[in-house]
Amino acid sequence: MVVNGEGGARRTILAPSAGPRDELALDDCPLAIARSADARHLIITLPYEVWIVDAKTLNAQRTIPLTMARPSVAEGWEGALWIGGQHLYRASLNATSATKTGTKLGGYVDHVSLIRDDLLCGVGAQGELLWDIDRQGPVHKRKSTGPHAVEVVASADGRGVFCDGSPTAWVIDPAHPEGYAQLRLGATSPVPVDHEGIVCLGRTEGSRGGRVLLGARDGAVAWTSRDLRLAGERVPTAKRDMTPLALAGDERWVYVLRRRGVLQRFLIAQPNVAKPKGSKRKGNKRKGAPPARAQQPDELEPPPLPEAQEVRLAKLATCMTLVAHDGSDDTKRTLLLGGPKADGQLGRLWTVEVESLEWQDLRLSQRTLAEPPPPPDPDAEPPAPQRPSFIATKNKLAGPKISEICVDDIVGSARARGVDYWLTHGSGSLLDRPTERRSKQDTLPGDAVLLPAMVRFCEGTARPALIVWPGVVEDHEGPAPAPRVLVWGDAPRAWMALETPQIRAQKWSRTDVFPIQVAVAAVPEGLPGKRQALDPKWVDQAHFEALAKECKKMLKVLW
């Protein structure tokens, strides 16, 4: 408030502060973080969306809505964005829309990386692709029947490196695309071992950037030189799940983000220290190396840096990138981290100064290599062929579709009629799956259970809901599918999956929906098959009945 000389009052309205913030709230858990080529923007990849964020202030500038659950983004010339997923899209740092590019690229562009200014490398479930940006067409396309590729990065010399979960990473050279080179750790078993599989890739930045980083399931980390020759590798002592989530690095350290908020770093090379004037020792200076810090005559030589260190972050993180504020070795470095919030329903982005963390020394170990199996005995009888199993694992259902379930079966006297749950299929179009009311004795391991539920959105509205709880057989490889939530929508008034495209179609925002409260009256125990455990906080009959009563009384939700 400012008072003028005549005794009157004049209001001064200040604009909202545009200064830097410590944390940015995101609408979903981030998948990846990348800096733009001009270092002015951050490209945050979320499910079904890409955010463009100011790199200095962490203020969101614009969002690009997508239809892909796990998009992959690569920046091109003059701020162009190439977005891979089910299809290839082109967008821009300065726009809020994406345009589909090319045809018949599904399965080849699940993950994309720009290996040259005019050449895009894409990998996926169907194979690999080199896409000429100027000609708008593929110059190399190979169909693969092997494991699905999980990540791709560009090397400093214009080649593409991708991994498929096996112990070998593959190198695509645009000059010789007919054959791929292999890249693997030095300590690799002669036979394929699952825990030695390379599942994460990265690349260093800085004055001598361009190293490709490799991360394996057992925690082993390796890095290459600029010409893709293996330069070093480290294996930390495994005490827990060591699967890497993200890799980053500079000319000094390789940073590895792991589960449960664990961050590790491994030393690439000790810092250079120049000898004081008058010293007779002469050394060959490596070409391209940064200038060494001069040592004073009365200064003691600094102790060597540890080979490996570890710290536990204050917040859970799923992705990261490293920012160096200048090109010197002693520059301040900042980690940009992204992770879940509100039980993974929302996300956040924050910064951490690397040297402000309380690093602890980390013990290193050696890989225990698997021995090759003995050669088969030529006189031994061949094993009998394994007979297929004809034991039923799921029921054949022919009841009404999920979309035809009445809301009154949830908010009405459903439990008085014995409607504890329905059975449905675990695959297929979600709303078109058939349902039937069966008892627990009739449930099979592969059946999905459909539980009646009530939810309360963050903005306060109570709505009817359904929990799809899928199951798999006990010997199924990998984890069971995650449960899914269906809610009753407004426009149209029908069941809808609680996912970003459907939320967007209802003209809601994710911050209006999440964090969400879920209430289930009861969960059947002892169901056959392998299923993910439901949140114990969901099971509350009193809460379920209170939300159902509120939904019928307030009439905010109509059916």
Protein backbone atom coordinates (compact mmCIF):
# COMPACT_ATOMS: atom_id res chain seq x y z
CA MET A 1 0.00 0.00 0.00
CA VAL A 2 1.38 3.43 -1.02
CA VAL A 3 -0.07 6.75 0.36
CA ASN A 4 0.21 9.86 -1.83
CA GLY A 5 0.84 13.44 -0.62
CA GLU A 6 -2.85 14.47 -0.56
CA GLY A 7 -3.75 11.87 2.02
CA GLY A 8 -5.34 9.47 -0.43
CA ALA A 9 -4.34 5.87 -0.74
CA ARG A 10 -3.03 4.31 -3.93
CA ARG A 11 -2.79 0.54 -4.28
CA THR A 12 0.25 -1.05 -5.84
CA ILE A 13 -0.42 -4.49 -7.32
CA LEU A 14 2.64 -6.68 -7.64
CA ALA A 15 2.87 -9.49 -10.17
CA PRO A 16 3.41 -13.01 -8.84
CA SER A 17 7.02 -13.77 -8.12
CA ALA A 18 8.84 -15.36 -11.04
CA GLY A 19 11.93 -16.21 -9.05
CA PRO A 20 13.43 -19.67 -8.85
CA ARG A 21 11.58 -22.29 -6.85
CA ASP A 22 12.82 -25.34 -5.00
CA GLU A 23 10.16 -27.74 -6.29
CA LEU A 24 7.69 -27.95 -9.15
CA ALA A 25 4.47 -29.94 -8.76
CA LEU A 26 3.70 -32.21 -11.72
CA ASP A 27 0.42 -33.81 -12.75
CA ASP A 28 1.92 -37.31 -12.89
CA CYS A 29 5.07 -39.22 -11.99
CA PRO A 30 7.79 -38.16 -14.49
CA LEU A 31 9.42 -40.68 -16.81
CA ALA A 32 12.47 -38.71 -18.01
CA ILE A 33 14.16 -35.31 -17.73
CA ALA A 34 16.25 -33.69 -20.47
CA ARG A 35 17.76 -30.26 -21.03
CA SER A 36 17.23 -28.40 -24.28
CA ALA A 37 20.20 -27.67 -26.53
CA ASP A 38 20.27 -24.00 -25.48
CA ALA A 39 20.08 -24.99 -21.77
CA ARG A 40 17.11 -22.65 -21.28
CA HIS A 41 14.40 -25.28 -21.00
CA LEU A 42 13.78 -28.61 -19.35
CA ILE A 43 11.84 -31.26 -21.26
CA ILE A 44 9.87 -33.35 -18.74
CA THR A 45 8.31 -36.54 -20.09
CA LEU A 46 5.15 -37.67 -18.29
CA PRO A 47 2.60 -40.34 -19.18
CA TYR A 48 0.39 -38.91 -21.95
CA GLU A 49 2.08 -35.49 -21.74
CA VAL A 50 5.29 -33.49 -22.20
CA TRP A 51 6.04 -30.44 -20.06
CA ILE A 52 8.31 -27.56 -21.10
CA VAL A 53 9.81 -25.98 -17.97
CA ASP A 54 12.08 -22.97 -17.50
CA ALA A 55 15.49 -24.31 -16.51
CA LYS A 56 16.35 -21.42 -14.16
CA THR A 57 13.10 -20.85 -12.30
CA LEU A 58 11.45 -24.30 -12.61
CA ASN A 59 8.25 -22.63 -13.77
CA ALA A 60 6.09 -24.58 -16.21
CA GLN A 61 5.75 -22.77 -19.54
CA ARG A 62 3.55 -25.09 -21.61
CA THR A 63 2.41 -28.68 -21.97
CA ILE A 64 1.98 -30.92 -25.01
CA PRO A 65 -0.89 -33.43 -24.59
CA LEU A 66 -0.31 -36.88 -26.09
CA THR A 67 -2.13 -40.19 -26.45
CA MET A 68 0.82 -42.42 -25.47
CA ALA A 69 1.33 -43.86 -22.01
CA ARG A 70 5.15 -43.89 -22.20
CA PRO A 71 6.38 -41.34 -24.76
CA SER A 72 10.04 -40.92 -25.67
CA VAL A 73 11.32 -37.45 -26.61
CA ALA A 74 14.39 -36.34 -28.59
CA GLU A 75 15.20 -32.71 -29.39
CA GLY A 76 16.12 -31.82 -32.95
CA TRP A 77 17.23 -28.77 -34.89
CA GLU A 78 15.82 -25.34 -33.89
CA GLY A 79 13.74 -26.62 -31.00
CA ALA A 80 11.95 -29.40 -32.86
CA LEU A 81 10.82 -32.31 -30.69
CA TRP A 82 10.56 -35.85 -32.03
CA ILE A 83 8.21 -37.90 -29.87
CA GLY A 84 8.12 -41.68 -30.12
CA GLY A 85 5.65 -44.20 -28.80
CA GLN A 86 2.94 -46.03 -30.71
CA HIS A 87 3.66 -43.59 -33.57
CA LEU A 88 6.19 -40.89 -34.41
CA TYR A 89 5.15 -37.30 -33.74
CA ARG A 90 6.77 -33.94 -34.34
CA ALA A 91 6.32 -31.05 -31.93
CA SER A 92 8.19 -27.92 -30.86
CA LEU A 93 9.47 -26.30 -27.71
CA ASN A 94 7.31 -23.27 -28.54
CA ALA A 95 4.04 -25.05 -29.38
CA THR A 96 1.42 -27.08 -27.55
CA SER A 97 0.46 -29.59 -30.25
CA ALA A 98 2.09 -32.60 -31.90
CA THR A 99 1.70 -33.77 -35.52
CA LYS A 100 1.92 -37.39 -36.59
CA THR A 101 4.78 -38.14 -38.99
CA GLY A 102 5.28 -41.15 -41.23
CA THR A 103 3.25 -44.33 -41.62
CA LYS A 104 3.66 -47.93 -40.50
CA LEU A 105 6.19 -47.01 -37.81
CA GLY A 106 4.41 -48.70 -34.89
CA GLY A 107 6.80 -50.92 -32.94
CA TYR A 108 9.88 -49.21 -34.39
CA VAL A 109 9.75 -45.88 -32.54
CA ASP A 110 8.92 -46.91 -28.96
CA HIS A 111 12.19 -45.16 -28.00
CA VAL A 112 13.89 -42.48 -30.12
CA SER A 113 17.19 -40.61 -30.08
CA LEU A 114 18.70 -38.07 -32.48
CA ILE A 115 22.10 -39.43 -33.55
CA ARG A 116 22.72 -36.70 -36.16
CA ASP A 117 21.02 -33.42 -36.99
CA ASP A 118 19.25 -35.09 -39.90
CA LEU A 119 18.96 -38.68 -38.64
CA LEU A 120 16.70 -40.14 -35.98
CA CYS A 121 17.21 -43.60 -34.49
CA GLY A 122 14.18 -45.49 -33.27
CA VAL A 123 13.91 -48.88 -31.58
CA GLY A 124 10.96 -50.87 -30.31
CA ALA A 125 9.16 -54.16 -30.07
CA GLN A 126 9.19 -54.75 -33.83
CA GLY A 127 12.76 -53.73 -34.66
CA GLU A 128 15.05 -50.80 -35.39
CA LEU A 129 14.73 -47.79 -37.66
CA LEU A 130 16.86 -44.93 -39.01
CA TRP A 131 14.63 -42.04 -40.06
CA ASP A 132 15.89 -39.33 -42.44
CA ILE A 133 14.42 -36.07 -41.18
CA ASP A 134 14.96 -34.12 -44.41
CA ARG A 135 13.52 -36.81 -46.69
CA GLN A 136 10.78 -37.77 -44.22
CA GLY A 137 11.38 -41.46 -44.72
CA PRO A 138 13.34 -44.44 -43.37
CA VAL A 139 16.84 -45.15 -44.67
CA HIS A 140 17.16 -48.34 -42.63
CA LYS A 141 14.47 -50.59 -41.18
CA ARG A 142 15.09 -54.00 -39.65
CA LYS A 143 12.44 -56.29 -38.23
CA SER A 144 13.57 -58.11 -35.10
CA THR A 145 12.20 -61.23 -33.44
CA GLY A 146 14.42 -60.94 -30.36
CA PRO A 147 13.75 -59.21 -27.04
CA HIS A 148 12.10 -55.81 -27.10
CA ALA A 149 14.44 -52.83 -27.00
CA VAL A 150 14.12 -50.82 -23.78
CA GLU A 151 16.29 -47.72 -24.40
CA VAL A 152 18.45 -45.97 -27.01
CA VAL A 153 21.05 -43.19 -26.79
CA ALA A 154 23.29 -41.42 -29.29
CA SER A 155 27.06 -41.68 -29.13
CA ALA A 156 29.40 -38.74 -29.64
CA ASP A 157 30.46 -39.98 -33.10
CA GLY A 158 26.94 -40.26 -34.51
CA ARG A 159 26.02 -43.86 -33.78
CA GLY A 160 23.02 -45.27 -31.97
CA VAL A 161 23.35 -47.58 -28.95
CA PHE A 162 20.34 -49.55 -27.72
CA CYS A 163 19.75 -52.29 -25.16
CA ASP A 164 17.12 -55.01 -24.97
CA GLY A 165 17.64 -56.40 -21.47
CA SER A 166 20.30 -58.91 -22.53
CA PRO A 167 23.96 -58.69 -21.42
CA THR A 168 24.82 -57.13 -24.79
CA ALA A 169 24.09 -53.60 -26.02
CA TRP A 170 23.95 -53.09 -29.76
CA VAL A 171 25.52 -50.34 -31.85
CA ILE A 172 23.92 -49.08 -35.09
CA ASP A 173 26.36 -47.35 -37.44
CA PRO A 174 24.52 -45.32 -40.13
CA ALA A 175 27.45 -45.90 -42.49
CA HIS A 176 27.11 -49.70 -42.14
CA PRO A 177 23.55 -50.47 -40.99
CA GLU A 178 23.59 -54.01 -42.33
CA GLY A 179 25.39 -55.30 -39.23
CA TYR A 180 25.32 -54.22 -35.58
CA ALA A 181 28.36 -54.09 -33.31
CA GLN A 182 28.22 -55.51 -29.79
CA LEU A 183 28.98 -53.62 -26.59
CA ARG A 184 29.16 -55.46 -23.27
CA LEU A 185 30.94 -55.29 -19.94
CA GLY A 186 34.33 -56.93 -19.60
CA ALA A 187 33.12 -59.15 -16.76
CA THR A 188 30.31 -60.92 -18.61
CA SER A 189 29.51 -64.60 -18.32
CA PRO A 190 30.06 -66.76 -21.41
CA VAL A 191 26.42 -67.82 -21.21
CA PRO A 192 23.44 -65.44 -20.98
CA VAL A 193 22.55 -64.61 -17.36
CA ASP A 194 19.41 -62.64 -16.58
CA HIS A 195 20.86 -60.46 -13.80
CA GLU A 196 23.71 -59.34 -16.09
CA GLY A 197 21.27 -57.82 -18.57
CA ILE A 198 21.83 -54.17 -19.55
CA VAL A 199 18.58 -52.32 -18.85
CA CYS A 200 19.59 -48.64 -18.63
CA LEU A 201 21.66 -46.32 -20.82
CA GLY A 202 22.92 -42.78 -20.41
CA ARG A 203 25.46 -40.29 -21.67
CA THR A 204 27.87 -37.93 -19.94
CA GLU A 205 27.86 -34.18 -20.41
CA GLY A 206 30.47 -31.46 -19.94
CA SER A 207 33.66 -30.41 -21.67
CA ARG A 208 34.57 -34.02 -22.45
CA GLY A 209 31.04 -35.35 -22.75
CA GLY A 210 29.94 -38.09 -25.04
CA ARG A 211 30.69 -41.20 -23.00
CA VAL A 212 27.97 -43.83 -23.19
CA LEU A 213 26.93 -45.24 -19.80
CA LEU A 214 25.70 -48.81 -19.31
CA GLY A 215 23.73 -50.08 -16.30
CA ALA A 216 22.94 -53.74 -15.56
CA ARG A 217 20.32 -55.38 -13.34
CA ASP A 218 22.90 -56.58 -10.81
CA GLY A 219 24.14 -53.01 -10.24
CA ALA A 220 27.21 -53.12 -12.49
CA VAL A 221 28.02 -49.85 -14.27
CA ALA A 222 30.32 -49.28 -17.24
CA TRP A 223 31.30 -46.34 -19.40
CA THR A 224 32.97 -45.96 -22.78
CA SER A 225 35.30 -43.50 -24.42
CA ARG A 226 34.05 -41.18 -27.13
CA ASP A 227 34.80 -43.82 -29.78
CA LEU A 228 32.63 -46.42 -27.96
CA ARG A 229 35.48 -48.45 -26.54
CA LEU A 230 34.89 -49.74 -23.03
CA ALA A 231 36.87 -47.46 -20.68
CA GLY A 232 35.89 -48.69 -17.20
CA GLU A 233 33.38 -50.59 -15.12
CA ARG A 234 32.41 -50.92 -11.46
CA VAL A 235 30.34 -53.46 -9.53
CA PRO A 236 28.99 -52.32 -6.14
CA THR A 237 28.33 -54.76 -3.34
CA ALA A 238 24.75 -55.89 -3.87
CA LYS A 239 22.55 -55.66 -0.76
CA ARG A 240 19.17 -54.97 -2.33
CA ASP A 241 17.45 -54.52 -5.67
CA MET A 242 20.18 -52.85 -7.72
CA THR A 243 18.22 -52.24 -10.93
CA PRO A 244 19.21 -48.77 -12.23
CA LEU A 245 16.46 -46.25 -12.94
CA ALA A 246 18.56 -43.51 -14.57
CA LEU A 247 22.19 -42.76 -15.44
CA ALA A 248 23.97 -39.41 -15.72
CA GLY A 249 27.56 -38.25 -15.58
CA ASP A 250 30.26 -35.72 -16.31
CA GLU A 251 34.02 -35.88 -16.80
CA ARG A 252 34.55 -36.90 -13.16
CA TRP A 253 31.65 -39.08 -11.93
CA VAL A 254 28.98 -41.48 -13.15
CA TYR A 255 25.72 -41.06 -11.20
CA VAL A 256 23.31 -43.98 -10.85
CA LEU A 257 19.78 -43.61 -9.49
CA ARG A 258 18.31 -46.75 -7.95
CA ARG A 259 15.10 -47.71 -6.20
CA ARG A 260 14.11 -46.53 -2.71
CA GLY A 261 15.78 -43.16 -3.27
CA VAL A 262 19.34 -44.51 -3.41
CA LEU A 263 21.86 -42.47 -5.43
CA GLN A 264 25.35 -43.80 -6.16
CA ARG A 265 28.30 -42.34 -7.99
CA PHE A 266 31.44 -43.94 -9.39
CA LEU A 267 34.73 -42.20 -10.11
CA ILE A 268 35.88 -42.03 -13.72
CA ALA A 269 39.24 -40.31 -13.15
CA GLN A 270 41.06 -38.43 -10.39
CA PRO A 271 41.29 -34.62 -10.81
CA ASN A 272 44.46 -33.17 -12.30
CA VAL A 273 46.69 -31.19 -9.94
CA ALA A 274 49.46 -29.09 -11.47
CA LYS A 275 52.88 -29.22 -9.83
CA PRO A 276 54.22 -26.00 -8.27
CA LYS A 277 56.66 -23.87 -10.22
CA GLY A 278 60.21 -25.08 -9.96
CA SER A 279 59.32 -28.73 -9.98
CA LYS A 280 61.55 -30.77 -12.26
CA ARG A 281 58.92 -33.41 -12.93
CA LYS A 282 57.41 -33.17 -16.36
CA GLY A 283 54.37 -35.00 -17.55
CA ASN A 284 52.64 -35.33 -20.85
CA LYS A 285 49.42 -33.39 -20.89
CA ARG A 286 46.56 -35.25 -22.46
CA LYS A 287 45.19 -33.51 -25.51
CA GLY A 288 41.85 -31.88 -24.82
CA ALA A 289 42.18 -32.12 -21.04
CA PRO A 290 40.99 -29.12 -19.00
CA PRO A 291 43.61 -26.91 -17.35
CA ALA A 292 44.77 -28.36 -14.06
CA ARG A 293 44.45 -26.44 -10.83
CA ALA A 294 47.80 -24.97 -9.80
CA GLN A 295 49.16 -26.24 -6.49
CA GLN A 296 50.79 -23.76 -4.13
CA PRO A 297 54.30 -24.59 -2.83
CA ASP A 298 53.14 -24.87 0.80
CA GLU A 299 49.87 -26.64 -0.03
CA LEU A 300 49.50 -30.33 0.68
CA GLU A 301 48.40 -32.57 -2.14
CA PRO A 302 44.65 -33.27 -1.76
CA PRO A 303 43.68 -36.83 -0.87
CA PRO A 304 42.43 -38.98 -3.73
CA LEU A 305 38.72 -39.18 -4.31
CA PRO A 306 36.96 -42.42 -3.34
CA GLU A 307 36.16 -44.90 -6.08
CA ALA A 308 32.45 -45.11 -5.21
CA GLN A 309 30.01 -43.30 -2.93
CA GLU A 310 26.36 -43.61 -1.96
CA VAL A 311 23.64 -41.45 -0.44
CA ARG A 312 19.96 -41.88 0.32
CA LEU A 313 17.84 -39.03 -0.99
CA ALA A 314 15.21 -37.36 1.16
CA LYS A 315 12.55 -38.06 -1.50
CA LEU A 316 11.92 -40.96 -3.85
CA ALA A 317 13.09 -40.32 -7.41
CA THR A 318 12.53 -42.12 -10.70
CA CYS A 319 14.56 -40.01 -13.16
CA MET A 320 17.32 -37.42 -13.15
CA THR A 321 19.70 -35.32 -15.21
CA LEU A 322 22.93 -33.53 -14.31
CA VAL A 323 23.56 -29.82 -14.87
CA ALA A 324 27.06 -28.29 -14.83
CA HIS A 325 27.07 -24.50 -14.67
CA ASP A 326 30.35 -24.14 -16.61
CA GLY A 327 32.92 -26.36 -18.26
CA SER A 328 35.64 -26.45 -15.60
CA ASP A 329 36.40 -29.42 -13.37
CA ASP A 330 35.67 -27.49 -10.16
CA THR A 331 32.30 -26.17 -11.27
CA LYS A 332 29.17 -26.47 -9.16
CA ARG A 333 26.95 -29.32 -10.30
CA THR A 334 23.23 -29.68 -9.75
CA LEU A 335 21.06 -32.75 -10.03
CA LEU A 336 17.55 -32.30 -11.39
CA LEU A 337 15.42 -35.08 -9.94
CA GLY A 338 11.88 -36.18 -10.67
CA GLY A 339 9.79 -38.57 -8.63
CA PRO A 340 6.36 -39.58 -7.36
CA LYS A 341 4.13 -37.75 -4.92
CA ALA A 342 0.85 -38.75 -3.28
CA ASP A 343 1.49 -42.49 -3.61
CA GLY A 344 2.57 -42.11 -7.24
CA GLN A 345 -0.64 -40.39 -8.33
CA LEU A 346 1.15 -37.06 -8.85
CA GLY A 347 4.77 -36.07 -9.37
CA ARG A 348 7.34 -33.42 -8.57
CA LEU A 349 10.59 -31.96 -9.87
CA TRP A 350 13.30 -30.59 -7.61
CA THR A 351 17.00 -29.71 -7.57
CA VAL A 352 19.82 -30.89 -5.34
CA GLU A 353 23.37 -29.57 -5.14
CA VAL A 354 25.68 -32.55 -5.60
CA GLU A 355 28.22 -31.51 -2.98
CA SER A 356 25.55 -30.71 -0.39
CA LEU A 357 24.65 -34.41 -0.12
CA GLU A 358 26.12 -36.50 2.69
CA TRP A 359 28.03 -39.03 0.62
CA GLN A 360 29.19 -42.28 2.22
CA ASP A 361 31.87 -44.58 0.86
CA LEU A 362 30.54 -47.57 -1.06
CA ARG A 363 32.23 -50.94 -1.17
CA LEU A 364 32.97 -52.48 -4.55
CA SER A 365 33.06 -56.14 -5.48
CA GLN A 366 33.59 -58.42 -8.44
CA ARG A 367 31.05 -60.19 -10.58
CA THR A 368 30.68 -63.91 -10.10
CA LEU A 369 30.56 -65.27 -13.62
CA ALA A 370 28.43 -68.25 -14.54
CA GLU A 371 30.23 -71.31 -15.84
CA PRO A 372 29.26 -72.64 -19.25
CA PRO A 373 27.22 -75.84 -19.11
CA PRO A 374 29.04 -79.10 -19.86
CA PRO A 375 28.71 -80.42 -23.40
CA PRO A 376 25.81 -82.83 -23.88
CA ASP A 377 26.52 -86.52 -23.69
CA PRO A 378 26.19 -87.95 -27.21
CA ASP A 379 25.10 -91.30 -25.78
CA ALA A 380 22.39 -89.84 -23.54
CA GLU A 381 18.78 -90.21 -24.52
CA PRO A 382 17.04 -87.00 -25.58
CA PRO A 383 14.56 -85.62 -23.04
CA ALA A 384 10.94 -86.47 -23.58
CA PRO A 385 8.91 -83.67 -25.14
CA GLN A 386 6.96 -81.67 -22.60
CA ARG A 387 3.25 -82.14 -22.91
CA PRO A 388 1.06 -79.05 -22.93
CA SER A 389 -1.19 -78.50 -19.95
CA PHE A 390 -4.93 -78.42 -20.58
CA ILE A 391 -5.85 -77.34 -17.06
CA ALA A 392 -8.15 -74.31 -17.23
CA THR A 393 -6.60 -71.12 -15.86
CA LYS A 394 -9.54 -68.75 -16.42
CA ASN A 395 -13.28 -68.98 -16.84
CA LYS A 396 -15.17 -68.49 -20.08
CA LEU A 397 -17.55 -65.65 -19.33
CA ALA A 398 -20.56 -64.56 -21.35
CA GLY A 399 -22.34 -62.10 -19.07
CA PRO A 400 -23.00 -58.38 -19.55
CA LYS A 401 -20.12 -56.05 -20.33
CA ILE A 402 -18.42 -53.91 -17.70
CA SER A 403 -19.99 -50.85 -19.34
CA GLU A 404 -23.45 -52.30 -18.57
CA ILE A 405 -22.95 -52.66 -14.80
CA CYS A 406 -25.54 -50.57 -12.98
CA VAL A 407 -24.41 -47.96 -10.48
CA ASP A 408 -27.21 -49.08 -8.14
CA ASP A 409 -25.34 -52.36 -7.69
CA ILE A 410 -22.66 -50.32 -5.90
CA VAL A 411 -24.42 -47.48 -4.08
CA GLY A 412 -27.65 -49.45 -3.50
CA SER A 413 -28.30 -52.56 -1.48
CA ALA A 414 -25.82 -54.59 -3.48
CA ARG A 415 -24.28 -56.38 -0.54
CA ALA A 416 -27.72 -57.41 0.70
CA ARG A 417 -28.16 -59.26 -2.61
CA GLY A 418 -24.78 -60.92 -2.26
CA VAL A 419 -22.89 -58.96 -4.94
CA ASP A 420 -19.43 -59.14 -3.37
CA TYR A 421 -17.58 -59.09 -6.70
CA TRP A 422 -17.78 -60.03 -10.35
CA LEU A 423 -15.39 -62.00 -12.51
CA THR A 424 -14.09 -60.61 -15.78
CA HIS A 425 -11.25 -61.14 -18.22
CA GLY A 426 -7.76 -59.79 -17.60
CA SER A 427 -7.22 -58.64 -21.19
CA GLY A 428 -9.16 -57.05 -24.02
CA SER A 429 -10.94 -53.73 -24.37
CA LEU A 430 -11.58 -52.70 -20.78
CA LEU A 431 -15.23 -51.65 -20.97
CA ASP A 432 -16.19 -54.48 -23.35
CA ARG A 433 -15.01 -57.34 -21.14
CA PRO A 434 -17.79 -59.73 -20.06
CA THR A 435 -18.69 -60.11 -16.40
CA GLU A 436 -20.38 -62.79 -14.31
CA ARG A 437 -21.14 -63.21 -10.63
CA ARG A 438 -19.27 -66.24 -9.36
CA SER A 439 -18.29 -67.57 -5.97
CA LYS A 440 -14.74 -67.82 -4.68
CA GLN A 441 -14.78 -71.56 -5.36
CA ASP A 442 -15.39 -70.89 -9.06
CA THR A 443 -12.57 -68.33 -9.38
CA LEU A 444 -9.50 -69.44 -11.37
CA PRO A 445 -5.95 -68.00 -11.26
CA GLY A 446 -6.26 -66.12 -14.56
CA ASP A 447 -9.58 -64.46 -13.74
CA ALA A 448 -9.73 -60.75 -13.02
CA VAL A 449 -11.86 -59.80 -10.02
CA LEU A 450 -14.13 -56.77 -10.32
CA LEU A 451 -14.71 -55.19 -6.90
CA PRO A 452 -17.40 -52.55 -6.17
CA ALA A 453 -15.85 -49.45 -4.62
CA MET A 454 -16.37 -45.77 -3.85
CA VAL A 455 -13.86 -42.97 -4.42
CA ARG A 456 -13.53 -39.35 -3.35
CA PHE A 457 -11.74 -36.96 -5.70
CA CYS A 458 -9.34 -34.36 -4.38
CA GLU A 459 -11.93 -31.66 -5.10
CA GLY A 460 -14.38 -33.47 -2.80
CA THR A 461 -16.89 -35.35 -4.97
CA ALA A 462 -17.77 -38.93 -4.00
CA ARG A 463 -18.25 -41.25 -7.00
CA PRO A 464 -19.04 -44.92 -7.63
CA ALA A 465 -16.06 -46.95 -8.78
CA LEU A 466 -14.92 -50.41 -9.82
CA ILE A 467 -11.55 -52.01 -9.06
CA VAL A 468 -10.23 -54.37 -11.74
CA TRP A 469 -7.93 -56.77 -9.89
CA PRO A 470 -6.22 -59.05 -12.45
CA GLY A 471 -4.50 -62.33 -11.64
CA VAL A 472 -2.02 -64.67 -13.33
CA VAL A 473 -0.90 -68.24 -12.76
CA GLU A 474 1.66 -68.86 -10.03
CA ASP A 475 4.50 -69.73 -12.44
CA HIS A 476 3.98 -66.57 -14.49
CA GLU A 477 7.28 -64.82 -15.27
CA GLY A 478 7.33 -61.29 -13.95
CA PRO A 479 4.99 -59.43 -11.62
CA ALA A 480 1.22 -59.58 -11.80
CA PRO A 481 -0.57 -56.71 -13.59
CA ALA A 482 -1.42 -53.69 -11.48
CA PRO A 483 -5.04 -53.05 -10.42
CA ARG A 484 -7.01 -50.46 -12.39
CA VAL A 485 -9.70 -48.07 -11.20
CA LEU A 486 -12.91 -47.27 -13.10
CA VAL A 487 -15.16 -44.38 -12.06
CA TRP A 488 -18.53 -43.10 -13.20
CA GLY A 489 -18.12 -40.05 -15.44
CA ASP A 490 -20.28 -36.98 -16.07
CA ALA A 491 -20.09 -36.39 -19.83
CA PRO A 492 -20.86 -38.99 -20.94
CA ARG A 493 -22.46 -40.67 -17.94
CA ALA A 494 -20.68 -43.97 -18.20
CA TRP A 495 -17.84 -45.98 -16.72
CA MET A 496 -14.38 -44.68 -17.59
CA ALA A 497 -10.82 -45.68 -16.80
CA LEU A 498 -9.17 -43.27 -14.40
CA GLU A 499 -6.36 -42.38 -16.81
CA THR A 500 -5.16 -39.11 -18.29
CA PRO A 501 -6.88 -39.32 -21.73
CA GLN A 502 -10.26 -40.09 -20.14
CA ILE A 503 -9.76 -37.42 -17.47
CA ARG A 504 -8.92 -34.96 -20.22
CA ALA A 505 -12.07 -35.94 -22.17
CA GLN A 506 -14.21 -35.19 -19.08
CA LYS A 507 -12.61 -31.70 -18.95
CA TRP A 508 -11.17 -32.46 -15.53
CA SER A 509 -7.60 -31.87 -14.42
CA ARG A 510 -5.47 -34.48 -12.69
CA THR A 511 -5.02 -32.15 -9.72
CA ASP A 512 -8.82 -32.11 -9.30
CA VAL A 513 -8.85 -35.90 -9.20
CA PHE A 514 -5.64 -36.84 -7.38
CA PRO A 515 -4.78 -37.64 -4.67
CA ILE A 516 -7.83 -39.85 -4.50
CA GLN A 517 -9.47 -41.77 -1.64
CA VAL A 518 -10.59 -45.34 -2.40
CA ALA A 519 -12.95 -47.36 -0.22
CA VAL A 520 -13.77 -51.04 -0.71
CA ALA A 521 -16.29 -52.79 1.52
CA ALA A 522 -14.44 -56.10 1.58
CA VAL A 523 -11.73 -57.98 -0.31
CA PRO A 524 -12.10 -61.74 -0.81
CA GLU A 525 -9.24 -63.65 0.77
CA GLY A 526 -7.57 -66.77 -0.51
CA LEU A 527 -8.18 -66.13 -4.21
CA PRO A 528 -6.14 -68.43 -6.49
CA GLY A 529 -3.36 -67.05 -8.66
CA LYS A 530 -0.74 -64.38 -8.22
CA ARG A 531 -2.11 -60.87 -7.69
CA GLN A 532 -0.70 -57.55 -6.57
CA ALA A 533 -1.68 -56.73 -3.02
CA LEU A 534 -4.28 -53.99 -2.69
CA ASP A 535 -3.59 -51.02 -0.45
CA PRO A 536 -4.80 -51.99 3.07
CA LYS A 537 -6.13 -48.46 3.52
CA TRP A 538 -8.69 -49.13 0.80
CA VAL A 539 -10.54 -51.82 2.78
CA ASP A 540 -12.95 -49.91 5.03
CA GLN A 541 -16.62 -50.89 5.02
CA ALA A 542 -17.72 -47.90 7.10
CA HIS A 543 -15.97 -45.49 4.74
CA PHE A 544 -17.50 -47.28 1.75
CA GLU A 545 -21.03 -46.99 3.15
CA ALA A 546 -20.52 -43.33 4.11
CA LEU A 547 -19.35 -42.41 0.61
CA ALA A 548 -22.23 -44.33 -0.98
CA LYS A 549 -24.74 -42.54 1.25
CA GLU A 550 -23.17 -39.16 0.45
CA CYS A 551 -23.24 -39.91 -3.28
CA LYS A 552 -26.97 -40.67 -3.22
CA LYS A 553 -27.80 -37.66 -1.04
CA MET A 554 -25.73 -34.90 -2.66
CA LEU A 555 -26.76 -35.75 -6.26
CA LYS A 556 -23.52 -34.37 -7.69
CA VAL A 557 -23.12 -37.57 -9.71
CA LEU A 558 -26.07 -38.61 -11.87
CA TRP A 559 -26.75 -41.97 -13.51
